[in-house]
C-alpha atoms as a PDB file:
ATOM      1  CA  UNK A   1       3.575-113.820  24.323  1.00  0.00           C
ATOM      2  CA  UNK A   2       5.287-111.396  26.471  1.00  0.00           C
ATOM      3  CA  UNK A   3       5.492-111.200  30.315  1.00  0.00           C
ATOM      4  CA  UNK A   4       3.322-107.656  30.125  1.00  0.00           C
ATOM      5  CA  UNK A   5       0.979-109.235  27.317  1.00  0.00           C
ATOM      6  CA  UNK A   6       0.320-112.492  30.039  1.00  0.00           C
ATOM      7  CA  UNK A   7       0.041-109.968  32.789  1.00  0.00           C
ATOM      8  CA  UNK A   8      -2.272-107.427  30.752  1.00  0.00           C
ATOM      9  CA  UNK A   9      -4.903-110.447  29.995  1.00  0.00           C
ATOM     10  CA  UNK A  10      -4.841-111.429  33.627  1.00  0.00           C
ATOM     11  CA  UNK A  11      -5.262-108.601  35.135  1.00  0.00           C
ATOM     12  CA  UNK A  12      -7.205-105.457  32.397  1.00  0.00           C
ATOM     13  CA  UNK A  13      -7.711-103.870  35.211  1.00  0.00           C
ATOM     14  CA  UNK A  14      -4.377-102.880  36.733  1.00  0.00           C
ATOM     15  CA  UNK A  15      -3.155-101.636  33.061  1.00  0.00           C
ATOM     16  CA  UNK A  16      -3.310 -97.889  33.703  1.00  0.00           C
ATOM     17  CA  UNK A  17      -1.889 -97.922  36.573  1.00  0.00           C
ATOM     18  CA  UNK A  18       1.095 -99.559  35.719  1.00  0.00           C
ATOM     19  CA  UNK A  19       2.089 -97.152  32.774  1.00  0.00           C
ATOM     20  CA  UNK A  20       0.908 -94.349  34.353  1.00  0.00           C
ATOM     21  CA  UNK A  21       1.118 -94.445  37.993  1.00  0.00           C
ATOM     22  CA  UNK A  22      -2.321 -94.070  40.274  1.00  0.00           C
ATOM     23  CA  UNK A  23      -4.923 -92.001  40.026  1.00  0.00           C
ATOM     24  CA  UNK A  24      -5.275 -91.404  43.854  1.00  0.00           C
ATOM     25  CA  UNK A  25      -8.329 -89.081  45.087  1.00  0.00           C
ATOM     26  CA  UNK A  26      -8.484 -89.284  49.629  1.00  0.00           C
ATOM     27  CA  UNK A  27     -10.861 -91.179  51.119  1.00  0.00           C
ATOM     28  CA  UNK A  28     -10.312 -90.057  54.843  1.00  0.00           C
ATOM     29  CA  UNK A  29      -8.586 -87.995  57.526  1.00  0.00           C
ATOM     30  CA  UNK A  30      -7.940 -88.786  60.361  1.00  0.00           C
ATOM     31  CA  UNK A  31      -5.123 -87.870  63.311  1.00  0.00           C
ATOM     32  CA  UNK A  32      -3.380 -90.413  66.136  1.00  0.00           C
ATOM     33  CA  UNK A  33      -0.941 -90.550  68.928  1.00  0.00           C
ATOM     34  CA  UNK A  34      -1.758 -87.281  70.739  1.00  0.00           C
ATOM     35  CA  UNK A  35       1.398 -86.696  72.114  1.00  0.00           C
ATOM     36  CA  UNK A  36       2.754 -83.721  74.560  1.00  0.00           C
ATOM     37  CA  UNK A  37       1.080 -80.501  73.852  1.00  0.00           C
ATOM     38  CA  UNK A  38      -0.875 -80.620  70.566  1.00  0.00           C
ATOM     39  CA  UNK A  39       1.500 -82.895  68.693  1.00  0.00           C
ATOM     40  CA  UNK A  40      -0.247 -85.132  66.648  1.00  0.00           C
ATOM     41  CA  UNK A  41       0.299 -87.607  63.919  1.00  0.00           C
ATOM     42  CA  UNK A  42      -2.219 -86.675  60.883  1.00  0.00           C
ATOM     43  CA  UNK A  43      -3.235 -89.566  58.660  1.00  0.00           C
ATOM     44  CA  UNK A  44      -4.455 -89.208  55.143  1.00  0.00           C
ATOM     45  CA  UNK A  45      -5.952 -92.060  53.342  1.00  0.00           C
ATOM     46  CA  UNK A  46      -6.182 -92.316  49.861  1.00  0.00           C
ATOM     47  CA  UNK A  47      -7.522 -94.792  47.367  1.00  0.00           C
ATOM     48  CA  UNK A  48      -7.278 -95.373  43.343  1.00  0.00           C
ATOM     49  CA  UNK A  49     -10.109 -94.808  41.371  1.00  0.00           C
ATOM     50  CA  UNK A  50      -8.593 -97.298  38.563  1.00  0.00           C
ATOM     51  CA  UNK A  51      -7.829-100.489  40.604  1.00  0.00           C
ATOM     52  CA  UNK A  52      -8.348 -99.673  44.240  1.00  0.00           C
ATOM     53  CA  UNK A  53      -4.974 -99.678  45.287  1.00  0.00           C
ATOM     54  CA  UNK A  54      -4.586 -97.969  49.087  1.00  0.00           C
ATOM     55  CA  UNK A  55      -2.345 -95.648  50.507  1.00  0.00           C
ATOM     56  CA  UNK A  56      -2.108 -94.483  54.164  1.00  0.00           C
ATOM     57  CA  UNK A  57       0.280 -91.447  54.580  1.00  0.00           C
ATOM     58  CA  UNK A  58       0.925 -90.338  58.010  1.00  0.00           C
ATOM     59  CA  UNK A  59       2.660 -86.889  58.506  1.00  0.00           C
ATOM     60  CA  UNK A  60       3.881 -84.835  61.502  1.00  0.00           C
ATOM     61  CA  UNK A  61       1.967 -82.084  63.262  1.00  0.00           C
ATOM     62  CA  UNK A  62       4.818 -80.218  63.669  1.00  0.00           C
ATOM     63  CA  UNK A  63       7.509 -80.543  61.030  1.00  0.00           C
ATOM     64  CA  UNK A  64       4.207 -81.119  58.423  1.00  0.00           C
ATOM     65  CA  UNK A  65       6.845 -84.362  57.039  1.00  0.00           C
ATOM     66  CA  UNK A  66       5.682 -86.996  55.407  1.00  0.00           C
ATOM     67  CA  UNK A  67       6.453 -89.942  58.435  1.00  0.00           C
ATOM     68  CA  UNK A  68       5.328 -92.636  56.147  1.00  0.00           C
ATOM     69  CA  UNK A  69       3.189 -94.033  53.911  1.00  0.00           C
ATOM     70  CA  UNK A  70       2.255 -97.947  52.941  1.00  0.00           C
ATOM     71  CA  UNK A  71       0.181 -99.692  50.335  1.00  0.00           C
ATOM     72  CA  UNK A  72      -2.257-102.279  50.898  1.00  0.00           C
ATOM     73  CA  UNK A  73      -2.880-103.671  46.819  1.00  0.00           C
ATOM     74  CA  UNK A  74      -5.901-105.442  45.385  1.00  0.00           C
ATOM     75  CA  UNK A  75      -5.180-109.326  45.007  1.00  0.00           C
ATOM     76  CA  UNK A  76      -3.094-109.764  41.583  1.00  0.00           C
ATOM     77  CA  UNK A  77      -1.467-106.539  41.437  1.00  0.00           C
ATOM     78  CA  UNK A  78       1.897-107.276  43.098  1.00  0.00           C
ATOM     79  CA  UNK A  79       4.161-108.949  41.137  1.00  0.00           C
ATOM     80  CA  UNK A  80       5.603-112.479  42.074  1.00  0.00           C
ATOM     81  CA  UNK A  81       9.107-113.082  40.865  1.00  0.00           C
ATOM     82  CA  UNK A  82       8.876-110.851  38.228  1.00  0.00           C
ATOM     83  CA  UNK A  83       9.708-107.690  37.497  1.00  0.00           C
ATOM     84  CA  UNK A  84       8.064-105.103  35.491  1.00  0.00           C
ATOM     85  CA  UNK A  85       8.778-100.768  34.980  1.00  0.00           C
ATOM     86  CA  UNK A  86       6.305 -98.203  33.182  1.00  0.00           C
ATOM     87  CA  UNK A  87       8.948 -98.837  30.618  1.00  0.00           C
ATOM     88  CA  UNK A  88       7.781-102.049  29.711  1.00  0.00           C
ATOM     89  CA  UNK A  89       4.103-101.272  29.990  1.00  0.00           C
ATOM     90  CA  UNK A  90       4.623 -98.102  27.640  1.00  0.00           C
ATOM     91  CA  UNK A  91       6.495-100.116  25.332  1.00  0.00           C
ATOM     92  CA  UNK A  92       4.069-103.132  25.197  1.00  0.00           C
ATOM     93  CA  UNK A  93       1.183-100.928  24.288  1.00  0.00           C
ATOM     94  CA  UNK A  94       3.371 -98.857  21.843  1.00  0.00           C
ATOM     95  CA  UNK A  95       3.767-102.196  19.824  1.00  0.00           C
ATOM     96  CA  UNK A  96       0.605-103.142  20.175  1.00  0.00           C
ATOM     97  CA  UNK A  97      -0.642 -99.526  18.513  1.00  0.00           C
ATOM     98  CA  UNK A  98       1.896 -99.619  15.887  1.00  0.00           C
ATOM     99  CA  UNK A  99       0.745-102.942  14.992  1.00  0.00           C
ATOM    100  CA  UNK A 100      -3.062-102.094  14.850  1.00  0.00           C
ATOM    101  CA  UNK A 101      -2.228 -98.828  12.875  1.00  0.00           C
ATOM    102  CA  UNK A 102      -0.006-100.871  10.597  1.00  0.00           C
ATOM    103  CA  UNK A 103      -3.578-103.092   9.650  1.00  0.00           C
ATOM    104  CA  UNK A 104      -5.977-100.195   9.398  1.00  0.00           C
ATOM    105  CA  UNK A 105      -3.406 -98.605   6.858  1.00  0.00           C
ATOM    106  CA  UNK A 106      -3.164-101.864   4.995  1.00  0.00           C
ATOM    107  CA  UNK A 107      -6.515-102.343   4.875  1.00  0.00           C
ATOM    108  CA  UNK A 108      -7.114 -98.694   3.672  1.00  0.00           C
ATOM    109  CA  UNK A 109      -4.751 -99.194   0.791  1.00  0.00           C
ATOM    110  CA  UNK A 110      -6.385-102.264  -0.507  1.00  0.00           C
END
């Protein structure tokens, strides 16, 4: 069993996010740190519809630039002691699809 397969079996709820990225939706907006005059930091909070990962973006009200981005991952999402890229997840899914397709074609030919 491959590392990817073991991970997907343990955490199927994270498979789509690992391959395609998070499906984030905004959940909250607020501002913090009102400083001199009308300058402040805008907070945008987002949550992934698939796995529940939370993202917090902080923007400058003056420059409109992203100042900081932080993530809060659900238990089991982070990989400890291993790495897995989107390519790894895509390759595993492709191999699984091709094997299933070959089995269907073989059954149809019989």
